[in-house]
Amino acid sequence: MTEWKLFTDDVPHVSTPEFHEHRERAPHLEQPVHRPRLEMAAELVNAAALKCWRKNTSGEPIGHHTVSDLGCGDGGLLSLLGHLGDIDAWGYDFQPSNSAGWAERGVRAEALDVFGADSSIVRFGLTTVTTEVLEHLADPHRAVRWIGKHSRYLVASSPWNETPESHDECHAWAFDHDGYRALIEQGGYTVLRHETVGQFQLILGERS
């Protein structure tokens, strides 16, 4: 099991609103390297919803499966979830340029510093999504534990092939497969699926 901390300060600059303030919008859904992992993330969200519905033994309708996307970017995944049916999804992101995509894609999202100043007003769904987010944070372990207090399911993705010698300069952490599994498990989740799509790994976890 390996994880690498890629910064020396208390708070990595890459995790701050100031770092992201002037970054360009990244339309990942339209980018060939990213679209397959977004499609897999949507598949894992759907799997969580189906599992939740199967566990409903009350005989009463449970309505839509709720999904909160923390760090939703320009709304690419949210737009995919909108086609699944019976899923009520919303997202948050603090990069200003991404907001143009929310209206363009017809998704619900709000500008919040989810893991910082605005954490107390985040609304969680039964499933929370953090795709290409945890590797940017100062304390991803704490973030997963926090999510675990609110959401039954977690869908997360990060690169699997980064090291201290070779990584995106915007990342504060790197994880191999075992390290990423350990990150999710320490937050109180049991790993149901662990998929590899290109350079990305994706996990569906259920709260133990």
C-alpha atoms as a PDB file:
ATOM      1  CA  MET A   1       0.000   0.000   0.000  1.00  0.00           C
ATOM      2  CA  THR A   2       1.472   3.310  -1.060  1.00  0.00           C
ATOM      3  CA  GLU A   3       0.407   6.916  -0.918  1.00  0.00           C
ATOM      4  CA  TRP A   4       2.610   9.938  -1.414  1.00  0.00           C
ATOM      5  CA  LYS A   5       2.221  13.418   0.032  1.00  0.00           C
ATOM      6  CA  LEU A   6       3.502  15.758  -2.678  1.00  0.00           C
ATOM      7  CA  PHE A   7       3.719  19.029  -0.727  1.00  0.00           C
ATOM      8  CA  THR A   8       5.664  20.337   2.278  1.00  0.00           C
ATOM      9  CA  ASP A   9       3.567  23.273   3.501  1.00  0.00           C
ATOM     10  CA  ASP A  10       0.591  22.903   5.824  1.00  0.00           C
ATOM     11  CA  VAL A  11      -1.804  23.693   2.975  1.00  0.00           C
ATOM     12  CA  PRO A  12      -0.839  22.975  -0.638  1.00  0.00           C
ATOM     13  CA  HIS A  13      -1.386  25.953  -2.903  1.00  0.00           C
ATOM     14  CA  VAL A  14      -3.083  23.673  -5.446  1.00  0.00           C
ATOM     15  CA  SER A  15      -5.950  23.095  -2.986  1.00  0.00           C
ATOM     16  CA  THR A  16      -6.853  26.757  -2.527  1.00  0.00           C
ATOM     17  CA  PRO A  17      -9.503  28.919  -4.219  1.00  0.00           C
ATOM     18  CA  GLU A  18      -6.737  31.350  -5.148  1.00  0.00           C
ATOM     19  CA  PHE A  19      -4.980  28.705  -7.238  1.00  0.00           C
ATOM     20  CA  HIS A  20      -8.162  27.872  -9.141  1.00  0.00           C
ATOM     21  CA  GLU A  21      -9.473  31.425  -9.476  1.00  0.00           C
ATOM     22  CA  HIS A  22      -8.132  32.043 -12.980  1.00  0.00           C
ATOM     23  CA  ARG A  23      -7.862  28.498 -14.339  1.00  0.00           C
ATOM     24  CA  GLU A  24      -9.606  27.749 -17.601  1.00  0.00           C
ATOM     25  CA  ARG A  25     -12.716  25.602 -17.739  1.00  0.00           C
ATOM     26  CA  ALA A  26     -11.887  21.945 -18.363  1.00  0.00           C
ATOM     27  CA  PRO A  27     -14.631  20.255 -20.439  1.00  0.00           C
ATOM     28  CA  HIS A  28     -13.645  16.720 -19.405  1.00  0.00           C
ATOM     29  CA  LEU A  29     -16.742  15.086 -20.874  1.00  0.00           C
ATOM     30  CA  GLU A  30     -15.613  16.143 -24.342  1.00  0.00           C
ATOM     31  CA  GLN A  31     -11.994  15.053 -23.795  1.00  0.00           C
ATOM     32  CA  PRO A  32     -11.170  11.484 -24.924  1.00  0.00           C
ATOM     33  CA  VAL A  33      -8.838  10.827 -21.982  1.00  0.00           C
ATOM     34  CA  HIS A  34     -11.512  11.773 -19.418  1.00  0.00           C
ATOM     35  CA  ARG A  35     -14.863  10.728 -20.913  1.00  0.00           C
ATOM     36  CA  PRO A  36     -14.441   6.965 -20.238  1.00  0.00           C
ATOM     37  CA  ARG A  37     -13.768   7.519 -16.533  1.00  0.00           C
ATOM     38  CA  LEU A  38     -16.789   9.849 -16.291  1.00  0.00           C
ATOM     39  CA  GLU A  39     -18.930   7.178 -17.928  1.00  0.00           C
ATOM     40  CA  MET A  40     -17.602   4.629 -15.430  1.00  0.00           C
ATOM     41  CA  ALA A  41     -18.345   7.025 -12.571  1.00  0.00           C
ATOM     42  CA  ALA A  42     -21.932   7.311 -13.826  1.00  0.00           C
ATOM     43  CA  GLU A  43     -22.136   3.511 -13.965  1.00  0.00           C
ATOM     44  CA  LEU A  44     -20.967   3.274 -10.343  1.00  0.00           C
ATOM     45  CA  VAL A  45     -23.495   5.884  -9.218  1.00  0.00           C
ATOM     46  CA  ASN A  46     -26.212   3.881 -10.953  1.00  0.00           C
ATOM     47  CA  ALA A  47     -24.972   0.718  -9.228  1.00  0.00           C
ATOM     48  CA  ALA A  48     -25.240   2.472  -5.860  1.00  0.00           C
ATOM     49  CA  ALA A  49     -28.777   3.601  -6.652  1.00  0.00           C
ATOM     50  CA  LEU A  50     -29.848   0.098  -7.687  1.00  0.00           C
ATOM     51  CA  LYS A  51     -28.309  -1.389  -4.548  1.00  0.00           C
ATOM     52  CA  CYS A  52     -30.109   1.152  -2.390  1.00  0.00           C
ATOM     53  CA  TRP A  53     -33.447   0.467  -4.051  1.00  0.00           C
ATOM     54  CA  ARG A  54     -32.996  -3.309  -3.642  1.00  0.00           C
ATOM     55  CA  LYS A  55     -32.352  -2.832   0.072  1.00  0.00           C
ATOM     56  CA  ASN A  56     -35.660  -1.016   0.525  1.00  0.00           C
ATOM     57  CA  THR A  57     -37.814  -3.680   2.193  1.00  0.00           C
ATOM     58  CA  SER A  58     -40.503  -1.357   3.526  1.00  0.00           C
ATOM     59  CA  GLY A  59     -42.652  -1.646   0.438  1.00  0.00           C
ATOM     60  CA  GLU A  60     -42.922   2.131   0.344  1.00  0.00           C
ATOM     61  CA  PRO A  61     -41.644   4.153  -2.625  1.00  0.00           C
ATOM     62  CA  ILE A  62     -38.278   5.729  -1.837  1.00  0.00           C
ATOM     63  CA  GLY A  63     -38.304   8.264  -4.639  1.00  0.00           C
ATOM     64  CA  HIS A  64     -35.211   9.557  -6.343  1.00  0.00           C
ATOM     65  CA  HIS A  65     -31.718   8.480  -5.347  1.00  0.00           C
ATOM     66  CA  THR A  66     -29.909  11.649  -4.281  1.00  0.00           C
ATOM     67  CA  VAL A  67     -26.350  12.374  -5.434  1.00  0.00           C
ATOM     68  CA  SER A  68     -24.022  15.190  -4.384  1.00  0.00           C
ATOM     69  CA  ASP A  69     -21.002  15.824  -6.634  1.00  0.00           C
ATOM     70  CA  LEU A  70     -18.296  17.583  -4.606  1.00  0.00           C
ATOM     71  CA  GLY A  71     -15.917  19.215  -7.044  1.00  0.00           C
ATOM     72  CA  CYS A  72     -18.240  18.800 -10.018  1.00  0.00           C
ATOM     73  CA  GLY A  73     -16.117  20.785 -12.468  1.00  0.00           C
ATOM     74  CA  ASP A  74     -18.153  22.082 -15.380  1.00  0.00           C
ATOM     75  CA  GLY A  75     -20.925  19.552 -14.773  1.00  0.00           C
ATOM     76  CA  GLY A  76     -19.938  16.764 -17.144  1.00  0.00           C
ATOM     77  CA  LEU A  77     -20.796  13.900 -14.786  1.00  0.00           C
ATOM     78  CA  LEU A  78     -23.955  15.633 -13.601  1.00  0.00           C
ATOM     79  CA  SER A  79     -25.148  15.791 -17.207  1.00  0.00           C
ATOM     80  CA  LEU A  80     -24.609  12.028 -17.586  1.00  0.00           C
ATOM     81  CA  LEU A  81     -26.515  11.344 -14.373  1.00  0.00           C
ATOM     82  CA  GLY A  82     -29.394  13.403 -15.708  1.00  0.00           C
ATOM     83  CA  HIS A  83     -30.021  10.713 -18.331  1.00  0.00           C
ATOM     84  CA  LEU A  84     -30.219   7.805 -15.862  1.00  0.00           C
ATOM     85  CA  GLY A  85     -33.680   8.521 -14.456  1.00  0.00           C
ATOM     86  CA  ASP A  86     -34.810   8.483 -10.804  1.00  0.00           C
ATOM     87  CA  ILE A  87     -31.579  10.206  -9.766  1.00  0.00           C
ATOM     88  CA  ASP A  88     -31.653  13.662  -8.205  1.00  0.00           C
ATOM     89  CA  ALA A  89     -28.133  15.078  -8.560  1.00  0.00           C
ATOM     90  CA  TRP A  90     -26.507  18.398  -7.765  1.00  0.00           C
ATOM     91  CA  GLY A  91     -22.942  19.617  -7.474  1.00  0.00           C
ATOM     92  CA  TYR A  92     -20.505  22.129  -6.042  1.00  0.00           C
ATOM     93  CA  ASP A  93     -17.279  23.623  -7.353  1.00  0.00           C
ATOM     94  CA  PHE A  94     -15.199  26.688  -6.518  1.00  0.00           C
ATOM     95  CA  GLN A  95     -13.503  27.339  -9.867  1.00  0.00           C
ATOM     96  CA  PRO A  96     -15.309  30.335 -11.417  1.00  0.00           C
ATOM     97  CA  SER A  97     -14.755  29.315 -15.036  1.00  0.00           C
ATOM     98  CA  ASN A  98     -16.660  26.060 -14.542  1.00  0.00           C
ATOM     99  CA  SER A  99     -19.961  27.824 -13.897  1.00  0.00           C
ATOM    100  CA  ALA A 100     -20.429  28.468 -17.622  1.00  0.00           C
ATOM    101  CA  GLY A 101     -20.777  24.720 -18.119  1.00  0.00           C
ATOM    102  CA  TRP A 102     -23.589  24.352 -15.600  1.00  0.00           C
ATOM    103  CA  ALA A 103     -26.056  26.411 -17.616  1.00  0.00           C
ATOM    104  CA  GLU A 104     -24.770  24.994 -20.886  1.00  0.00           C
ATOM    105  CA  ARG A 105     -25.292  21.409 -19.704  1.00  0.00           C
ATOM    106  CA  GLY A 106     -28.529  22.143 -17.859  1.00  0.00           C
ATOM    107  CA  VAL A 107     -27.322  20.866 -14.473  1.00  0.00           C
ATOM    108  CA  ARG A 108     -27.748  22.105 -10.910  1.00  0.00           C
ATOM    109  CA  ALA A 109     -24.557  23.315  -9.279  1.00  0.00           C
ATOM    110  CA  GLU A 110     -23.407  25.988  -6.883  1.00  0.00           C
ATOM    111  CA  ALA A 111     -20.148  27.828  -6.302  1.00  0.00           C
ATOM    112  CA  LEU A 112     -18.907  26.695  -2.869  1.00  0.00           C
ATOM    113  CA  ASP A 113     -15.549  26.064  -1.209  1.00  0.00           C
ATOM    114  CA  VAL A 114     -16.738  22.591  -0.235  1.00  0.00           C
ATOM    115  CA  PHE A 115     -13.712  21.417   1.734  1.00  0.00           C
ATOM    116  CA  GLY A 116     -12.959  24.833   3.208  1.00  0.00           C
ATOM    117  CA  ALA A 117     -14.946  27.890   4.218  1.00  0.00           C
ATOM    118  CA  ASP A 118     -18.326  26.583   3.009  1.00  0.00           C
ATOM    119  CA  SER A 119     -18.175  23.025   4.349  1.00  0.00           C
ATOM    120  CA  SER A 120     -20.933  23.635   6.902  1.00  0.00           C
ATOM    121  CA  ILE A 121     -23.559  24.361   4.237  1.00  0.00           C
ATOM    122  CA  VAL A 122     -22.876  21.441   1.906  1.00  0.00           C
ATOM    123  CA  ARG A 123     -25.948  19.276   1.278  1.00  0.00           C
ATOM    124  CA  PHE A 124     -25.111  15.592   0.945  1.00  0.00           C
ATOM    125  CA  GLY A 125     -26.912  12.947  -1.081  1.00  0.00           C
ATOM    126  CA  LEU A 126     -27.230   9.235  -0.361  1.00  0.00           C
ATOM    127  CA  THR A 127     -24.274   8.986  -2.734  1.00  0.00           C
ATOM    128  CA  THR A 128     -21.437  11.489  -2.790  1.00  0.00           C
ATOM    129  CA  VAL A 129     -19.073  11.738  -5.752  1.00  0.00           C
ATOM    130  CA  THR A 130     -15.479  12.999  -5.659  1.00  0.00           C
ATOM    131  CA  THR A 131     -13.988  12.393  -9.089  1.00  0.00           C
ATOM    132  CA  GLU A 132     -10.470  13.768  -9.559  1.00  0.00           C
ATOM    133  CA  VAL A 133     -10.811  15.703  -6.303  1.00  0.00           C
ATOM    134  CA  LEU A 134      -9.173  13.903  -3.385  1.00  0.00           C
ATOM    135  CA  GLU A 135      -5.677  14.138  -4.861  1.00  0.00           C
ATOM    136  CA  HIS A 136      -5.957  17.950  -4.796  1.00  0.00           C
ATOM    137  CA  LEU A 137      -6.794  18.297  -1.088  1.00  0.00           C
ATOM    138  CA  ALA A 138      -4.601  19.090   1.897  1.00  0.00           C
ATOM    139  CA  ASP A 139      -6.172  16.237   3.900  1.00  0.00           C
ATOM    140  CA  PRO A 140      -8.030  13.716   1.734  1.00  0.00           C
ATOM    141  CA  HIS A 141      -8.223  11.257   4.641  1.00  0.00           C
ATOM    142  CA  ARG A 142     -10.218  13.716   6.723  1.00  0.00           C
ATOM    143  CA  ALA A 143     -12.383  14.552   3.711  1.00  0.00           C
ATOM    144  CA  VAL A 144     -13.373  10.904   3.198  1.00  0.00           C
ATOM    145  CA  ARG A 145     -14.176  10.508   6.903  1.00  0.00           C
ATOM    146  CA  TRP A 146     -16.322  13.644   6.739  1.00  0.00           C
ATOM    147  CA  ILE A 147     -18.218  12.335   3.731  1.00  0.00           C
ATOM    148  CA  GLY A 148     -18.636   9.010   5.528  1.00  0.00           C
ATOM    149  CA  LYS A 149     -20.639  10.746   8.250  1.00  0.00           C
ATOM    150  CA  HIS A 150     -23.196  11.930   5.707  1.00  0.00           C
ATOM    151  CA  SER A 151     -23.386   9.650   2.650  1.00  0.00           C
ATOM    152  CA  ARG A 152     -24.088   5.939   2.469  1.00  0.00           C
ATOM    153  CA  TYR A 153     -22.203   5.522  -0.804  1.00  0.00           C
ATOM    154  CA  LEU A 154     -19.052   7.140  -2.166  1.00  0.00           C
ATOM    155  CA  VAL A 155     -17.862   7.161  -5.764  1.00  0.00           C
ATOM    156  CA  ALA A 156     -14.300   8.449  -6.066  1.00  0.00           C
ATOM    157  CA  SER A 157     -11.632   8.558  -8.739  1.00  0.00           C
ATOM    158  CA  SER A 158      -7.974   9.565  -8.913  1.00  0.00           C
ATOM    159  CA  PRO A 159      -4.973   8.603 -11.047  1.00  0.00           C
ATOM    160  CA  TRP A 160      -3.381   5.264 -10.147  1.00  0.00           C
ATOM    161  CA  ASN A 161      -0.023   5.727 -11.881  1.00  0.00           C
ATOM    162  CA  GLU A 162       1.447   8.851 -10.282  1.00  0.00           C
ATOM    163  CA  THR A 163       4.543   8.956  -8.063  1.00  0.00           C
ATOM    164  CA  PRO A 164       6.694  11.672  -6.465  1.00  0.00           C
ATOM    165  CA  GLU A 165       8.862  11.531  -9.571  1.00  0.00           C
ATOM    166  CA  SER A 166       6.013  11.688 -12.087  1.00  0.00           C
ATOM    167  CA  HIS A 167       2.748  13.442 -11.290  1.00  0.00           C
ATOM    168  CA  ASP A 168       0.515  16.304 -12.340  1.00  0.00           C
ATOM    169  CA  GLU A 169       1.855  19.511 -10.808  1.00  0.00           C
ATOM    170  CA  CYS A 170      -1.693  20.366  -9.688  1.00  0.00           C
ATOM    171  CA  HIS A 171      -1.896  17.309  -7.419  1.00  0.00           C
ATOM    172  CA  ALA A 172      -1.076  17.260  -3.707  1.00  0.00           C
ATOM    173  CA  TRP A 173      -1.275  13.471  -3.247  1.00  0.00           C
ATOM    174  CA  ALA A 174      -0.683  10.332  -5.288  1.00  0.00           C
ATOM    175  CA  PHE A 175      -2.069   6.847  -4.636  1.00  0.00           C
ATOM    176  CA  ASP A 176      -1.476   3.401  -6.055  1.00  0.00           C
ATOM    177  CA  HIS A 177      -4.404   0.965  -6.091  1.00  0.00           C
ATOM    178  CA  ASP A 178      -3.857  -0.329  -2.563  1.00  0.00           C
ATOM    179  CA  GLY A 179      -3.258   3.155  -1.219  1.00  0.00           C
ATOM    180  CA  TYR A 180      -6.492   4.433  -2.718  1.00  0.00           C
ATOM    181  CA  ARG A 181      -8.473   1.516  -1.334  1.00  0.00           C
ATOM    182  CA  ALA A 182      -7.000   2.213   2.110  1.00  0.00           C
ATOM    183  CA  LEU A 183      -7.946   5.891   1.800  1.00  0.00           C
ATOM    184  CA  ILE A 184     -11.581   5.002   1.153  1.00  0.00           C
ATOM    185  CA  GLU A 185     -11.714   2.275   3.800  1.00  0.00           C
ATOM    186  CA  GLN A 186     -10.341   4.498   6.575  1.00  0.00           C
ATOM    187  CA  GLY A 187     -13.391   6.695   6.001  1.00  0.00           C
ATOM    188  CA  GLY A 188     -15.690   3.867   7.069  1.00  0.00           C
ATOM    189  CA  TYR A 189     -16.482   2.506   3.608  1.00  0.00           C
ATOM    190  CA  THR A 190     -16.395  -1.053   2.325  1.00  0.00           C
ATOM    191  CA  VAL A 191     -15.132  -1.177  -1.254  1.00  0.00           C
ATOM    192  CA  LEU A 192     -17.753  -2.774  -3.522  1.00  0.00           C
ATOM    193  CA  ARG A 193     -15.998  -2.110  -6.831  1.00  0.00           C
ATOM    194  CA  HIS A 194     -12.528  -0.911  -7.770  1.00  0.00           C
ATOM    195  CA  GLU A 195     -12.148  -0.257 -11.480  1.00  0.00           C
ATOM    196  CA  THR A 196      -9.277   0.930 -13.666  1.00  0.00           C
ATOM    197  CA  VAL A 197     -10.040   3.067 -16.720  1.00  0.00           C
ATOM    198  CA  GLY A 198      -6.927   4.242 -18.520  1.00  0.00           C
ATOM    199  CA  GLN A 199      -4.793   6.180 -16.069  1.00  0.00           C
ATOM    200  CA  PHE A 200      -7.636   6.491 -13.562  1.00  0.00           C
ATOM    201  CA  GLN A 201      -8.919   4.271 -10.758  1.00  0.00           C
ATOM    202  CA  LEU A 202     -12.508   4.457  -9.559  1.00  0.00           C
ATOM    203  CA  ILE A 203     -14.027   3.109  -6.371  1.00  0.00           C
ATOM    204  CA  LEU A 204     -17.606   2.530  -5.282  1.00  0.00           C
ATOM    205  CA  GLY A 205     -17.768   2.255  -1.505  1.00  0.00           C
ATOM    206  CA  GLU A 206     -20.652   1.574   0.871  1.00  0.00           C
ATOM    207  CA  ARG A 207     -20.575   2.784   4.443  1.00  0.00           C
ATOM    208  CA  SER A 208     -19.857  -0.142   6.739  1.00  0.00           C
END
